[in-house]
Amino acid sequence: MRPILDSIVIPKHAFTATLAVQQGLATVDNICKRGMVIVNRCTPCYRAAENTPHLFFVCPFSNGIMQEVLVWQGVTRRVLSLKHELYKLALCRGKLWKKKLACCALAATIHHIWQERNARIFNDVRHTPAQILARIKYEVCVRFYAWNRGVDTDQLLSLLIG
Protein backbone atom coordinates (compact mmCIF):
# COMPACT_ATOMS: atom_id res chain seq x y z
CA MET A 1 0.00 0.00 0.00
CA ARG A 2 2.98 2.30 0.44
CA PRO A 3 3.15 3.43 -3.23
CA ILE A 4 -0.37 4.84 -3.04
CA LEU A 5 0.73 7.07 -0.17
CA ASP A 6 3.58 8.60 -2.18
CA SER A 7 3.88 12.37 -1.76
CA ILE A 8 3.10 13.01 -5.42
CA VAL A 9 -0.31 11.32 -5.27
CA ILE A 10 -3.24 13.72 -4.94
CA PRO A 11 -4.58 13.27 -1.37
CA LYS A 12 -8.20 12.49 -2.34
CA HIS A 13 -6.91 9.91 -4.84
CA ALA A 14 -4.70 8.36 -2.13
CA PHE A 15 -7.67 8.23 0.26
CA THR A 16 -9.93 6.42 -2.23
CA ALA A 17 -7.16 4.02 -3.26
CA THR A 18 -6.32 3.24 0.36
CA LEU A 19 -9.96 2.41 1.07
CA ALA A 20 -9.98 0.17 -2.02
CA VAL A 21 -6.90 -1.69 -0.78
CA GLN A 22 -8.51 -2.17 2.64
CA GLN A 23 -11.85 -3.25 1.10
CA GLY A 24 -13.42 -0.27 2.88
CA LEU A 25 -15.32 1.35 0.01
CA ALA A 26 -19.11 1.25 0.25
CA THR A 27 -19.51 -1.18 -2.63
CA VAL A 28 -22.82 -3.01 -2.88
CA ASP A 29 -21.36 -6.20 -1.40
CA ASN A 30 -20.06 -4.27 1.65
CA ILE A 31 -23.45 -2.59 2.10
CA CYS A 32 -25.20 -5.98 1.88
CA LYS A 33 -22.84 -7.35 4.57
CA ARG A 34 -24.10 -4.57 6.86
CA GLY A 35 -27.66 -5.86 6.56
CA MET A 36 -29.18 -3.68 3.83
CA VAL A 37 -31.09 -5.50 1.13
CA ILE A 38 -30.37 -4.14 -2.35
CA VAL A 39 -29.75 -5.64 -5.77
CA ASN A 40 -26.07 -6.50 -5.98
CA ARG A 41 -25.08 -5.61 -9.53
CA CYS A 42 -22.02 -3.76 -10.79
CA THR A 43 -23.16 -0.27 -11.76
CA PRO A 44 -20.99 0.18 -14.90
CA CYS A 45 -21.58 -3.26 -16.48
CA TYR A 46 -24.56 -4.92 -14.70
CA ARG A 47 -22.90 -8.31 -15.37
CA ALA A 48 -21.80 -9.41 -11.91
CA ALA A 49 -22.00 -8.63 -8.22
CA GLU A 50 -20.28 -5.39 -7.28
CA ASN A 51 -17.24 -5.82 -5.07
CA THR A 52 -13.88 -4.08 -5.04
CA PRO A 53 -11.96 -6.58 -7.21
CA HIS A 54 -14.75 -6.70 -9.78
CA LEU A 55 -15.43 -2.96 -9.85
CA PHE A 56 -11.82 -1.94 -10.47
CA PHE A 57 -10.25 -4.87 -12.32
CA VAL A 58 -12.78 -7.36 -13.73
CA CYS A 59 -15.59 -5.09 -14.94
CA PRO A 60 -15.05 -4.55 -18.69
CA PHE A 61 -15.69 -0.81 -18.31
CA SER A 62 -13.11 -0.31 -15.55
CA ASN A 63 -10.64 -2.84 -16.89
CA GLY A 64 -10.60 -0.99 -20.21
CA ILE A 65 -9.77 2.27 -18.44
CA MET A 66 -7.06 0.60 -16.33
CA GLN A 67 -5.60 -1.00 -19.46
CA GLU A 68 -5.54 2.35 -21.30
CA VAL A 69 -3.74 3.98 -18.36
CA LEU A 70 -1.06 1.28 -18.55
CA VAL A 71 -0.73 1.73 -22.32
CA TRP A 72 -0.43 5.50 -21.76
CA GLN A 73 2.54 4.77 -19.48
CA GLY A 74 4.14 2.48 -22.05
CA VAL A 75 3.28 -0.78 -20.27
CA THR A 76 2.00 -3.68 -22.39
CA ARG A 77 0.98 -6.25 -19.76
CA ARG A 78 -2.58 -7.04 -18.66
CA VAL A 79 -4.18 -5.57 -15.56
CA LEU A 80 -4.87 -8.36 -13.05
CA SER A 81 -5.70 -7.06 -9.57
CA LEU A 82 -4.97 -4.25 -7.15
CA LYS A 83 -2.60 -6.47 -5.19
CA HIS A 84 -0.74 -7.32 -8.41
CA GLU A 85 -0.51 -3.66 -9.45
CA LEU A 86 0.89 -2.68 -6.04
CA TYR A 87 3.40 -5.54 -6.28
CA LYS A 88 4.51 -4.33 -9.73
CA LEU A 89 4.91 -0.79 -8.37
CA ALA A 90 7.04 -2.07 -5.50
CA LEU A 91 9.29 -3.90 -7.99
CA CYS A 92 9.55 -0.90 -10.32
CA ARG A 93 13.18 0.00 -10.96
CA GLY A 94 14.77 2.72 -13.00
CA LYS A 95 13.88 6.37 -13.05
CA LEU A 96 12.18 7.59 -9.88
CA TRP A 97 9.82 9.86 -11.79
CA LYS A 98 8.44 6.91 -13.77
CA LYS A 99 7.57 5.10 -10.55
CA LYS A 100 5.98 8.24 -9.15
CA LEU A 101 3.99 8.66 -12.36
CA ALA A 102 2.76 5.06 -12.09
CA CYS A 103 1.72 5.57 -8.44
CA CYS A 104 -0.09 8.77 -9.26
CA ALA A 105 -1.83 7.23 -12.28
CA LEU A 106 -3.00 4.12 -10.37
CA ALA A 107 -4.47 6.16 -7.53
CA ALA A 108 -6.11 8.60 -9.97
CA THR A 109 -7.62 5.74 -11.96
CA ILE A 110 -9.10 4.09 -8.87
CA HIS A 111 -10.47 7.44 -7.70
CA HIS A 112 -12.08 8.31 -11.04
CA ILE A 113 -13.64 4.88 -11.50
CA TRP A 114 -15.15 5.24 -8.03
CA GLN A 115 -16.36 8.76 -8.88
CA GLU A 116 -17.96 7.46 -12.10
CA ARG A 117 -19.68 4.66 -10.22
CA ASN A 118 -21.10 7.19 -7.73
CA ALA A 119 -22.14 9.62 -10.49
CA ARG A 120 -24.09 6.84 -12.19
CA ILE A 121 -25.86 5.83 -8.97
CA PHE A 122 -26.58 9.18 -7.38
CA ASN A 123 -26.70 11.69 -10.26
CA ASP A 124 -27.73 9.47 -13.19
CA VAL A 125 -24.74 10.85 -15.12
CA ARG A 126 -22.67 8.64 -17.42
CA HIS A 127 -19.26 9.43 -18.86
CA THR A 128 -17.47 7.50 -21.56
CA PRO A 129 -14.19 5.74 -20.82
CA ALA A 130 -12.47 8.31 -23.08
CA GLN A 131 -13.80 11.19 -20.94
CA ILE A 132 -12.65 9.50 -17.74
CA LEU A 133 -9.25 8.73 -19.24
CA ALA A 134 -8.86 12.36 -20.32
CA ARG A 135 -9.63 13.51 -16.75
CA ILE A 136 -7.13 11.04 -15.30
CA LYS A 137 -4.40 12.17 -17.70
CA TYR A 138 -5.14 15.83 -17.03
CA GLU A 139 -4.98 15.51 -13.23
CA VAL A 140 -1.86 13.35 -13.31
CA CYS A 141 -0.15 15.77 -15.72
CA VAL A 142 -1.02 18.82 -13.62
CA ARG A 143 0.20 17.11 -10.45
CA PHE A 144 3.35 15.92 -12.17
CA TYR A 145 4.24 19.34 -13.59
CA ALA A 146 3.83 20.82 -10.11
CA TRP A 147 6.20 18.18 -8.71
CA ASN A 148 8.71 18.20 -11.59
CA ARG A 149 12.18 19.20 -10.44
CA GLY A 150 15.15 18.15 -12.54
CA VAL A 151 13.33 15.58 -14.65
CA ASP A 152 14.18 15.51 -18.36
CA THR A 153 11.29 17.65 -19.62
CA ASP A 154 11.32 16.30 -23.20
CA GLN A 155 11.12 12.70 -22.03
CA LEU A 156 8.43 13.57 -19.50
CA LEU A 157 6.37 15.49 -22.07
CA SER A 158 6.49 12.64 -24.56
CA LEU A 159 5.21 10.22 -21.91
CA LEU A 160 2.52 12.51 -20.55
CA ILE A 161 1.16 13.62 -23.91
CA GLY A 162 1.51 10.23 -25.63
C-alpha atoms as a PDB file:
ATOM      1  CA  MET A   1       0.000   0.000   0.000  1.00  0.00           C
ATOM      2  CA  ARG A   2       2.982   2.300   0.441  1.00  0.00           C
ATOM      3  CA  PRO A   3       3.154   3.426  -3.232  1.00  0.00           C
ATOM      4  CA  ILE A   4      -0.369   4.843  -3.041  1.00  0.00           C
ATOM      5  CA  LEU A   5       0.732   7.072  -0.167  1.00  0.00           C
ATOM      6  CA  ASP A   6       3.580   8.602  -2.179  1.00  0.00           C
ATOM      7  CA  SER A   7       3.876  12.370  -1.758  1.00  0.00           C
ATOM      8  CA  ILE A   8       3.098  13.007  -5.422  1.00  0.00           C
ATOM      9  CA  VAL A   9      -0.311  11.316  -5.274  1.00  0.00           C
ATOM     10  CA  ILE A  10      -3.243  13.722  -4.937  1.00  0.00           C
ATOM     11  CA  PRO A  11      -4.582  13.269  -1.374  1.00  0.00           C
ATOM     12  CA  LYS A  12      -8.196  12.495  -2.344  1.00  0.00           C
ATOM     13  CA  HIS A  13      -6.914   9.912  -4.836  1.00  0.00           C
ATOM     14  CA  ALA A  14      -4.703   8.359  -2.131  1.00  0.00           C
ATOM     15  CA  PHE A  15      -7.671   8.227   0.258  1.00  0.00           C
ATOM     16  CA  THR A  16      -9.934   6.424  -2.228  1.00  0.00           C
ATOM     17  CA  ALA A  17      -7.163   4.025  -3.263  1.00  0.00           C
ATOM     18  CA  THR A  18      -6.316   3.244   0.364  1.00  0.00           C
ATOM     19  CA  LEU A  19      -9.958   2.412   1.072  1.00  0.00           C
ATOM     20  CA  ALA A  20      -9.979   0.173  -2.025  1.00  0.00           C
ATOM     21  CA  VAL A  21      -6.898  -1.692  -0.783  1.00  0.00           C
ATOM     22  CA  GLN A  22      -8.511  -2.168   2.636  1.00  0.00           C
ATOM     23  CA  GLN A  23     -11.854  -3.253   1.101  1.00  0.00           C
ATOM     24  CA  GLY A  24     -13.424  -0.268   2.875  1.00  0.00           C
ATOM     25  CA  LEU A  25     -15.318   1.354   0.005  1.00  0.00           C
ATOM     26  CA  ALA A  26     -19.108   1.247   0.250  1.00  0.00           C
ATOM     27  CA  THR A  27     -19.513  -1.184  -2.629  1.00  0.00           C
ATOM     28  CA  VAL A  28     -22.824  -3.014  -2.877  1.00  0.00           C
ATOM     29  CA  ASP A  29     -21.365  -6.203  -1.403  1.00  0.00           C
ATOM     30  CA  ASN A  30     -20.064  -4.273   1.648  1.00  0.00           C
ATOM     31  CA  ILE A  31     -23.452  -2.588   2.099  1.00  0.00           C
ATOM     32  CA  CYS A  32     -25.197  -5.983   1.884  1.00  0.00           C
ATOM     33  CA  LYS A  33     -22.845  -7.349   4.566  1.00  0.00           C
ATOM     34  CA  ARG A  34     -24.098  -4.574   6.865  1.00  0.00           C
ATOM     35  CA  GLY A  35     -27.660  -5.859   6.558  1.00  0.00           C
ATOM     36  CA  MET A  36     -29.177  -3.677   3.834  1.00  0.00           C
ATOM     37  CA  VAL A  37     -31.092  -5.500   1.135  1.00  0.00           C
ATOM     38  CA  ILE A  38     -30.367  -4.144  -2.347  1.00  0.00           C
ATOM     39  CA  VAL A  39     -29.748  -5.637  -5.766  1.00  0.00           C
ATOM     40  CA  ASN A  40     -26.069  -6.504  -5.981  1.00  0.00           C
ATOM     41  CA  ARG A  41     -25.081  -5.611  -9.534  1.00  0.00           C
ATOM     42  CA  CYS A  42     -22.016  -3.763 -10.788  1.00  0.00           C
ATOM     43  CA  THR A  43     -23.155  -0.274 -11.762  1.00  0.00           C
ATOM     44  CA  PRO A  44     -20.992   0.176 -14.901  1.00  0.00           C
ATOM     45  CA  CYS A  45     -21.575  -3.262 -16.479  1.00  0.00           C
ATOM     46  CA  TYR A  46     -24.561  -4.923 -14.702  1.00  0.00           C
ATOM     47  CA  ARG A  47     -22.903  -8.305 -15.366  1.00  0.00           C
ATOM     48  CA  ALA A  48     -21.803  -9.412 -11.910  1.00  0.00           C
ATOM     49  CA  ALA A  49     -22.003  -8.633  -8.216  1.00  0.00           C
ATOM     50  CA  GLU A  50     -20.281  -5.394  -7.278  1.00  0.00           C
ATOM     51  CA  ASN A  51     -17.244  -5.816  -5.068  1.00  0.00           C
ATOM     52  CA  THR A  52     -13.878  -4.079  -5.036  1.00  0.00           C
ATOM     53  CA  PRO A  53     -11.964  -6.582  -7.210  1.00  0.00           C
ATOM     54  CA  HIS A  54     -14.755  -6.697  -9.784  1.00  0.00           C
ATOM     55  CA  LEU A  55     -15.428  -2.961  -9.850  1.00  0.00           C
ATOM     56  CA  PHE A  56     -11.818  -1.936 -10.472  1.00  0.00           C
ATOM     57  CA  PHE A  57     -10.248  -4.868 -12.321  1.00  0.00           C
ATOM     58  CA  VAL A  58     -12.778  -7.361 -13.726  1.00  0.00           C
ATOM     59  CA  CYS A  59     -15.592  -5.089 -14.937  1.00  0.00           C
ATOM     60  CA  PRO A  60     -15.048  -4.552 -18.691  1.00  0.00           C
ATOM     61  CA  PHE A  61     -15.693  -0.807 -18.313  1.00  0.00           C
ATOM     62  CA  SER A  62     -13.114  -0.312 -15.546  1.00  0.00           C
ATOM     63  CA  ASN A  63     -10.638  -2.837 -16.891  1.00  0.00           C
ATOM     64  CA  GLY A  64     -10.602  -0.993 -20.207  1.00  0.00           C
ATOM     65  CA  ILE A  65      -9.771   2.274 -18.439  1.00  0.00           C
ATOM     66  CA  MET A  66      -7.060   0.595 -16.331  1.00  0.00           C
ATOM     67  CA  GLN A  67      -5.598  -0.999 -19.462  1.00  0.00           C
ATOM     68  CA  GLU A  68      -5.540   2.349 -21.300  1.00  0.00           C
ATOM     69  CA  VAL A  69      -3.741   3.980 -18.360  1.00  0.00           C
ATOM     70  CA  LEU A  70      -1.059   1.275 -18.554  1.00  0.00           C
ATOM     71  CA  VAL A  71      -0.728   1.734 -22.321  1.00  0.00           C
ATOM     72  CA  TRP A  72      -0.430   5.498 -21.756  1.00  0.00           C
ATOM     73  CA  GLN A  73       2.543   4.773 -19.477  1.00  0.00           C
ATOM     74  CA  GLY A  74       4.137   2.483 -22.053  1.00  0.00           C
ATOM     75  CA  VAL A  75       3.280  -0.782 -20.270  1.00  0.00           C
ATOM     76  CA  THR A  76       2.000  -3.677 -22.387  1.00  0.00           C
ATOM     77  CA  ARG A  77       0.978  -6.245 -19.757  1.00  0.00           C
ATOM     78  CA  ARG A  78      -2.576  -7.045 -18.663  1.00  0.00           C
ATOM     79  CA  VAL A  79      -4.179  -5.570 -15.560  1.00  0.00           C
ATOM     80  CA  LEU A  80      -4.874  -8.355 -13.049  1.00  0.00           C
ATOM     81  CA  SER A  81      -5.700  -7.059  -9.571  1.00  0.00           C
ATOM     82  CA  LEU A  82      -4.969  -4.250  -7.150  1.00  0.00           C
ATOM     83  CA  LYS A  83      -2.599  -6.470  -5.193  1.00  0.00           C
ATOM     84  CA  HIS A  84      -0.736  -7.325  -8.408  1.00  0.00           C
ATOM     85  CA  GLU A  85      -0.510  -3.659  -9.449  1.00  0.00           C
ATOM     86  CA  LEU A  86       0.891  -2.681  -6.045  1.00  0.00           C
ATOM     87  CA  TYR A  87       3.400  -5.542  -6.280  1.00  0.00           C
ATOM     88  CA  LYS A  88       4.505  -4.333  -9.725  1.00  0.00           C
ATOM     89  CA  LEU A  89       4.907  -0.787  -8.370  1.00  0.00           C
ATOM     90  CA  ALA A  90       7.039  -2.070  -5.500  1.00  0.00           C
ATOM     91  CA  LEU A  91       9.293  -3.895  -7.992  1.00  0.00           C
ATOM     92  CA  CYS A  92       9.547  -0.899 -10.324  1.00  0.00           C
ATOM     93  CA  ARG A  93      13.178  -0.003 -10.962  1.00  0.00           C
ATOM     94  CA  GLY A  94      14.771   2.721 -13.004  1.00  0.00           C
ATOM     95  CA  LYS A  95      13.880   6.373 -13.046  1.00  0.00           C
ATOM     96  CA  LEU A  96      12.179   7.591  -9.875  1.00  0.00           C
ATOM     97  CA  TRP A  97       9.819   9.857 -11.785  1.00  0.00           C
ATOM     98  CA  LYS A  98       8.439   6.910 -13.771  1.00  0.00           C
ATOM     99  CA  LYS A  99       7.569   5.097 -10.554  1.00  0.00           C
ATOM    100  CA  LYS A 100       5.978   8.245  -9.151  1.00  0.00           C
ATOM    101  CA  LEU A 101       3.986   8.660 -12.363  1.00  0.00           C
ATOM    102  CA  ALA A 102       2.756   5.056 -12.094  1.00  0.00           C
ATOM    103  CA  CYS A 103       1.718   5.572  -8.440  1.00  0.00           C
ATOM    104  CA  CYS A 104      -0.089   8.772  -9.263  1.00  0.00           C
ATOM    105  CA  ALA A 105      -1.825   7.227 -12.279  1.00  0.00           C
ATOM    106  CA  LEU A 106      -2.998   4.123 -10.369  1.00  0.00           C
ATOM    107  CA  ALA A 107      -4.469   6.164  -7.527  1.00  0.00           C
ATOM    108  CA  ALA A 108      -6.112   8.602  -9.970  1.00  0.00           C
ATOM    109  CA  THR A 109      -7.624   5.744 -11.962  1.00  0.00           C
ATOM    110  CA  ILE A 110      -9.099   4.091  -8.868  1.00  0.00           C
ATOM    111  CA  HIS A 111     -10.470   7.443  -7.696  1.00  0.00           C
ATOM    112  CA  HIS A 112     -12.076   8.314 -11.043  1.00  0.00           C
ATOM    113  CA  ILE A 113     -13.640   4.884 -11.499  1.00  0.00           C
ATOM    114  CA  TRP A 114     -15.148   5.240  -8.025  1.00  0.00           C
ATOM    115  CA  GLN A 115     -16.365   8.763  -8.883  1.00  0.00           C
ATOM    116  CA  GLU A 116     -17.960   7.459 -12.101  1.00  0.00           C
ATOM    117  CA  ARG A 117     -19.685   4.664 -10.217  1.00  0.00           C
ATOM    118  CA  ASN A 118     -21.103   7.192  -7.735  1.00  0.00           C
ATOM    119  CA  ALA A 119     -22.138   9.624 -10.494  1.00  0.00           C
ATOM    120  CA  ARG A 120     -24.094   6.839 -12.186  1.00  0.00           C
ATOM    121  CA  ILE A 121     -25.861   5.832  -8.972  1.00  0.00           C
ATOM    122  CA  PHE A 122     -26.575   9.183  -7.376  1.00  0.00           C
ATOM    123  CA  ASN A 123     -26.703  11.687 -10.261  1.00  0.00           C
ATOM    124  CA  ASP A 124     -27.733   9.469 -13.189  1.00  0.00           C
ATOM    125  CA  VAL A 125     -24.739  10.853 -15.122  1.00  0.00           C
ATOM    126  CA  ARG A 126     -22.673   8.641 -17.424  1.00  0.00           C
ATOM    127  CA  HIS A 127     -19.257   9.430 -18.858  1.00  0.00           C
ATOM    128  CA  THR A 128     -17.472   7.503 -21.560  1.00  0.00           C
ATOM    129  CA  PRO A 129     -14.188   5.743 -20.825  1.00  0.00           C
ATOM    130  CA  ALA A 130     -12.474   8.313 -23.077  1.00  0.00           C
ATOM    131  CA  GLN A 131     -13.804  11.188 -20.942  1.00  0.00           C
ATOM    132  CA  ILE A 132     -12.655   9.503 -17.736  1.00  0.00           C
ATOM    133  CA  LEU A 133      -9.249   8.725 -19.235  1.00  0.00           C
ATOM    134  CA  ALA A 134      -8.861  12.362 -20.315  1.00  0.00           C
ATOM    135  CA  ARG A 135      -9.628  13.512 -16.754  1.00  0.00           C
ATOM    136  CA  ILE A 136      -7.126  11.040 -15.304  1.00  0.00           C
ATOM    137  CA  LYS A 137      -4.397  12.172 -17.700  1.00  0.00           C
ATOM    138  CA  TYR A 138      -5.139  15.833 -17.028  1.00  0.00           C
ATOM    139  CA  GLU A 139      -4.985  15.510 -13.232  1.00  0.00           C
ATOM    140  CA  VAL A 140      -1.858  13.351 -13.313  1.00  0.00           C
ATOM    141  CA  CYS A 141      -0.149  15.766 -15.721  1.00  0.00           C
ATOM    142  CA  VAL A 142      -1.024  18.821 -13.615  1.00  0.00           C
ATOM    143  CA  ARG A 143       0.202  17.112 -10.448  1.00  0.00           C
ATOM    144  CA  PHE A 144       3.351  15.923 -12.172  1.00  0.00           C
ATOM    145  CA  TYR A 145       4.239  19.336 -13.588  1.00  0.00           C
ATOM    146  CA  ALA A 146       3.832  20.821 -10.112  1.00  0.00           C
ATOM    147  CA  TRP A 147       6.199  18.175  -8.712  1.00  0.00           C
ATOM    148  CA  ASN A 148       8.709  18.199 -11.595  1.00  0.00           C
ATOM    149  CA  ARG A 149      12.179  19.198 -10.440  1.00  0.00           C
ATOM    150  CA  GLY A 150      15.149  18.153 -12.537  1.00  0.00           C
ATOM    151  CA  VAL A 151      13.330  15.580 -14.646  1.00  0.00           C
ATOM    152  CA  ASP A 152      14.182  15.509 -18.356  1.00  0.00           C
ATOM    153  CA  THR A 153      11.289  17.651 -19.622  1.00  0.00           C
ATOM    154  CA  ASP A 154      11.321  16.304 -23.196  1.00  0.00           C
ATOM    155  CA  GLN A 155      11.119  12.702 -22.025  1.00  0.00           C
ATOM    156  CA  LEU A 156       8.428  13.573 -19.501  1.00  0.00           C
ATOM    157  CA  LEU A 157       6.369  15.489 -22.066  1.00  0.00           C
ATOM    158  CA  SER A 158       6.489  12.640 -24.561  1.00  0.00           C
ATOM    159  CA  LEU A 159       5.210  10.224 -21.911  1.00  0.00           C
ATOM    160  CA  LEU A 160       2.522  12.509 -20.547  1.00  0.00           C
ATOM    161  CA  ILE A 161       1.162  13.615 -23.906  1.00  0.00           C
ATOM    162  CA  GLY A 162       1.514  10.228 -25.633  1.00  0.00           C
END
